[in-house]
Amino acid sequence: MAESSGFLTTTLRAGLLAALVSGLVLGVAAMLAGHPFWMPLNVTTQAFFGPEVAQVRGLDLTHSGFGLLIHVVSSLFWAVIATLLFRGIGHAWIVGLGTALLALVVDYGFLPEWMSPGWHLAMPFIGVVAGFVGLGIGLGLGLSLAVRPAPVHPVRSGGPAPVESETNHGGPDALRHPGPNVINQRLQRIDPANLVTEDPNRQGHGPNPPHKVTN
C-alpha cells in the first residue's frame, strides 16, 4: 500500500509540474510568434475541432478549458511512463528529459498529424521542441523530489570492537596503575636467585646494625 501510494504521489507531482512548466514555455513561445499566451491550449483540441481551431484566438471554456484538460491528462500519462522508468534507472533528470524526447518522437514521428498536440499550429517547430524540453524539465523536477528508500546496510556479526583504554600506557603512570594482566612490581620482591628472601625489617627490632668488615 505504501509503495503504490508513493508511486501515485510521484506520478501526480511529476505530471502536474510537467504540465505547468511546459505550459509556461509554450505560452511564451506562442507570444513570441504573435499569438495569445493561451493559444497552445486552444490548438491542443485540434483532434476534436480540426486544424481550423488555430483561428480561435479567444479564451473560452470550449477550447482553452478543454485544451487545458487534454494537456494535463497527457502530461500525467507521460509522468506514469517516467515514474516507471525512474524505478529502474534512478536518475531523475535523465528519465525526465528522456521521456520528453520519447514523447516528441511519438507525437510528431509516429502519430498522424491530427492526433498530435497541435502546437505547431501556433508557433514555429523550435517552439514545439522548447515545449517538450519544458515537459522534460517538469518531469525531472517532480522525480527528483521523490523520496527514495535508503539502502539497508547488513549488520556485522560479532561483539563490539574493543575500545582502547584512555589510561596512559607508558611512563611512571604505567607503574602506578598497571593493567589487570600486568604484575604489580611494587608488591613483588626481586629475587634473581629464585630464592625466598626475608625482609629484615619484619624481625621487630628494626634494621640490623651494619656488619663490621674484617680483613
Protein backbone atom coordinates (compact mmCIF):
# COMPACT_ATOMS: atom_id res chain seq x y z
CA MET A 1 0.00 0.00 0.00
CA ALA A 2 2.82 2.40 0.88
CA GLU A 3 4.62 1.58 -2.37
CA SER A 4 1.52 2.24 -4.50
CA SER A 5 0.87 5.46 -2.58
CA GLY A 6 4.43 6.60 -3.28
CA PHE A 7 4.04 5.76 -6.95
CA LEU A 8 0.81 7.75 -7.18
CA THR A 9 2.28 10.73 -5.35
CA THR A 10 5.38 10.79 -7.52
CA THR A 11 3.32 10.47 -10.71
CA LEU A 12 0.95 13.27 -9.76
CA ARG A 13 3.79 15.58 -8.73
CA ALA A 14 5.80 14.91 -11.86
CA GLY A 15 2.77 15.16 -14.17
CA LEU A 16 1.47 18.43 -12.73
CA LEU A 17 4.93 20.04 -12.76
CA ALA A 18 5.43 18.87 -16.33
CA ALA A 19 2.09 20.38 -17.37
CA LEU A 20 2.94 23.64 -15.59
CA VAL A 21 6.48 24.10 -16.93
CA SER A 22 5.66 23.04 -20.49
CA GLY A 23 2.53 25.22 -20.47
CA LEU A 24 4.57 28.26 -19.45
CA VAL A 25 7.21 27.59 -22.11
CA LEU A 26 4.60 27.06 -24.81
CA GLY A 27 2.75 30.22 -23.79
CA VAL A 28 5.90 32.30 -24.10
CA ALA A 29 6.71 30.69 -27.47
CA ALA A 30 3.20 31.48 -28.70
CA MET A 31 3.54 35.10 -27.62
CA LEU A 32 6.85 35.38 -29.44
CA ALA A 33 5.03 34.11 -32.54
CA GLY A 34 2.37 36.81 -32.16
CA HIS A 35 -0.39 34.69 -30.60
CA PRO A 36 -2.10 34.91 -27.21
CA PHE A 37 -0.49 33.15 -24.26
CA TRP A 38 -3.27 30.53 -24.12
CA MET A 39 -3.14 29.73 -27.82
CA PRO A 40 -1.27 26.40 -27.31
CA LEU A 41 -4.23 25.21 -25.24
CA ASN A 42 -6.69 26.11 -27.97
CA VAL A 43 -4.82 24.24 -30.70
CA THR A 44 -4.45 21.18 -28.47
CA THR A 45 -8.10 20.43 -29.27
CA GLN A 46 -7.42 20.02 -32.99
CA ALA A 47 -8.12 16.30 -32.71
CA PHE A 48 -11.75 17.22 -31.94
CA PHE A 49 -12.24 20.50 -33.82
CA GLY A 50 -9.76 20.13 -36.68
CA PRO A 51 -6.90 22.46 -37.69
CA GLU A 52 -9.39 25.32 -38.03
CA VAL A 53 -9.11 25.72 -34.26
CA ALA A 54 -5.96 27.71 -34.93
CA GLN A 55 -8.28 30.57 -35.90
CA VAL A 56 -9.82 30.66 -32.42
CA ARG A 57 -7.78 33.25 -30.53
CA GLY A 58 -10.16 33.88 -27.68
CA LEU A 59 -10.03 32.42 -24.20
CA ASP A 60 -13.07 30.21 -23.67
CA LEU A 61 -14.08 27.06 -21.87
CA THR A 62 -14.78 25.03 -25.02
CA HIS A 63 -11.30 25.37 -26.47
CA SER A 64 -8.99 26.76 -23.79
CA GLY A 65 -10.55 24.86 -20.88
CA PHE A 66 -10.84 21.62 -22.82
CA GLY A 67 -7.31 22.07 -24.16
CA LEU A 68 -6.02 22.55 -20.61
CA LEU A 69 -7.66 19.29 -19.58
CA ILE A 70 -6.07 17.44 -22.50
CA HIS A 71 -2.70 18.99 -21.72
CA VAL A 72 -2.79 17.92 -18.05
CA VAL A 73 -4.01 14.40 -18.83
CA SER A 74 -1.30 13.88 -21.45
CA SER A 75 1.33 15.18 -19.02
CA LEU A 76 0.11 12.71 -16.40
CA PHE A 77 0.32 9.91 -18.95
CA TRP A 78 3.96 10.66 -19.65
CA ALA A 79 4.54 11.03 -15.92
CA VAL A 80 3.41 7.41 -15.46
CA ILE A 81 5.98 6.32 -18.06
CA ALA A 82 8.67 8.44 -16.41
CA THR A 83 7.93 7.11 -12.92
CA LEU A 84 8.17 3.52 -14.12
CA LEU A 85 11.48 4.26 -15.82
CA PHE A 86 12.68 6.10 -12.73
CA ARG A 87 12.26 2.95 -10.65
CA GLY A 88 14.67 1.11 -12.89
CA ILE A 89 17.15 3.84 -13.83
CA GLY A 90 17.04 6.00 -10.72
CA HIS A 91 18.32 9.24 -12.30
CA ALA A 92 15.51 11.79 -12.29
CA TRP A 93 16.81 14.21 -14.92
CA ILE A 94 17.89 11.54 -17.39
CA VAL A 95 14.49 9.89 -17.08
CA GLY A 96 12.59 13.19 -17.32
CA LEU A 97 14.36 14.51 -20.39
CA GLY A 98 14.46 11.05 -21.98
CA THR A 99 10.71 10.68 -21.53
CA ALA A 100 10.15 14.09 -23.10
CA LEU A 101 12.26 13.06 -26.09
CA LEU A 102 10.19 9.90 -26.38
CA ALA A 103 7.02 11.99 -26.28
CA LEU A 104 8.33 14.23 -29.07
CA VAL A 105 9.18 11.25 -31.26
CA VAL A 106 5.82 9.59 -30.65
CA ASP A 107 3.65 12.72 -31.05
CA TYR A 108 5.39 14.10 -34.12
CA GLY A 109 7.02 10.99 -35.54
CA PHE A 110 4.53 8.14 -35.29
CA LEU A 111 1.09 9.63 -34.66
CA PRO A 112 -0.84 11.21 -37.53
CA GLU A 113 -0.83 14.99 -37.56
CA TRP A 114 -4.43 15.33 -36.43
CA MET A 115 -3.56 13.38 -33.24
CA SER A 116 -0.53 15.49 -32.40
CA PRO A 117 -0.70 18.19 -29.68
CA GLY A 118 -1.22 20.77 -32.41
CA TRP A 119 1.35 23.19 -31.02
CA HIS A 120 2.86 23.59 -34.48
CA LEU A 121 -0.30 25.50 -35.48
CA ALA A 122 0.58 28.32 -33.09
CA MET A 123 4.37 28.57 -33.27
CA PRO A 124 7.47 27.51 -35.22
CA PHE A 125 8.73 23.97 -34.65
CA ILE A 126 11.55 25.29 -32.46
CA GLY A 127 8.85 26.43 -30.06
CA VAL A 128 7.35 22.93 -30.15
CA VAL A 129 10.74 21.48 -29.22
CA ALA A 130 11.03 24.00 -26.40
CA GLY A 131 7.65 22.86 -25.12
CA PHE A 132 8.85 19.26 -24.93
CA VAL A 133 12.01 20.40 -23.17
CA GLY A 134 9.76 22.10 -20.62
CA LEU A 135 7.88 18.82 -20.28
CA GLY A 136 11.14 17.03 -19.53
CA ILE A 137 12.23 19.65 -17.01
CA GLY A 138 8.92 19.34 -15.16
CA LEU A 139 9.15 15.56 -15.12
CA GLY A 140 12.74 15.62 -13.92
CA LEU A 141 11.93 18.12 -11.19
CA GLY A 142 8.98 16.07 -9.96
CA LEU A 143 11.00 12.85 -9.93
CA SER A 144 13.90 14.50 -8.13
CA LEU A 145 11.56 15.37 -5.26
CA ALA A 146 10.59 11.75 -4.78
CA VAL A 147 11.93 10.12 -1.61
CA ARG A 148 13.95 7.05 -2.48
CA PRO A 149 14.38 4.37 0.24
CA ALA A 150 17.77 4.39 1.91
CA PRO A 151 19.92 1.30 1.31
CA VAL A 152 19.91 -1.22 4.13
CA HIS A 153 23.39 -1.99 5.39
CA PRO A 154 23.96 -5.55 6.70
CA VAL A 155 24.61 -5.88 10.40
CA ARG A 156 28.04 -7.28 11.12
CA SER A 157 28.12 -10.29 13.42
CA GLY A 158 30.28 -10.42 16.50
CA GLY A 159 30.70 -8.26 19.51
CA PRO A 160 31.58 -4.61 19.54
CA ALA A 161 35.05 -3.51 18.62
CA PRO A 162 37.39 -3.27 21.60
CA VAL A 163 37.69 0.21 22.98
CA GLU A 164 41.15 1.31 23.80
CA SER A 165 41.51 2.43 27.37
CA GLU A 166 42.10 6.11 27.93
CA THR A 167 44.69 5.29 30.63
CA ASN A 168 48.19 6.29 29.75
CA HIS A 169 50.12 3.09 28.97
CA GLY A 170 53.62 4.50 29.25
CA GLY A 171 55.87 6.23 31.73
CA PRO A 172 55.63 6.19 35.53
CA ASP A 173 51.83 6.12 35.37
CA ALA A 174 52.02 2.60 33.99
CA LEU A 175 53.85 1.51 37.13
CA ARG A 176 51.37 3.21 39.43
CA HIS A 177 48.33 1.83 37.59
CA PRO A 178 49.25 -1.45 35.90
CA GLY A 179 46.76 -3.32 33.82
CA PRO A 180 44.92 -6.41 35.05
CA ASN A 181 47.34 -8.74 33.27
CA VAL A 182 50.49 -6.91 34.38
CA ILE A 183 52.32 -7.92 37.52
CA ASN A 184 52.44 -5.11 40.01
CA GLN A 185 56.14 -4.98 40.76
CA ARG A 186 55.57 -2.76 43.77
CA LEU A 187 54.08 -5.79 45.52
CA GLN A 188 56.83 -8.15 44.44
CA ARG A 189 60.37 -8.54 45.75
CA ILE A 190 63.00 -9.05 43.13
CA ASP A 191 64.71 -12.37 43.77
CA PRO A 192 67.11 -13.09 40.90
CA ALA A 193 68.32 -16.28 42.55
CA ASN A 194 64.75 -17.54 42.72
CA LEU A 195 65.09 -17.87 46.50
CA VAL A 196 62.68 -16.69 49.09
CA THR A 197 64.20 -13.85 50.97
CA GLU A 198 63.03 -12.43 54.19
CA ASP A 199 62.62 -8.78 54.87
CA PRO A 200 64.91 -7.91 57.77
CA ASN A 201 62.53 -5.16 58.79
CA ARG A 202 59.98 -7.79 59.83
CA GLN A 203 62.15 -9.01 62.81
CA GLY A 204 60.54 -6.48 65.09
CA HIS A 205 63.77 -4.81 66.09
CA GLY A 206 64.29 -2.62 63.12
CA PRO A 207 67.11 -2.99 60.71
CA ASN A 208 70.23 -4.98 61.75
CA PRO A 209 73.28 -2.91 62.51
CA PRO A 210 75.78 -2.84 59.77
CA HIS A 211 78.34 -5.67 59.93
CA LYS A 212 81.84 -4.75 60.61
CA VAL A 213 84.04 -5.55 57.78
CA THR A 214 87.11 -7.51 58.91
CA ASN A 215 90.06 -8.43 56.90
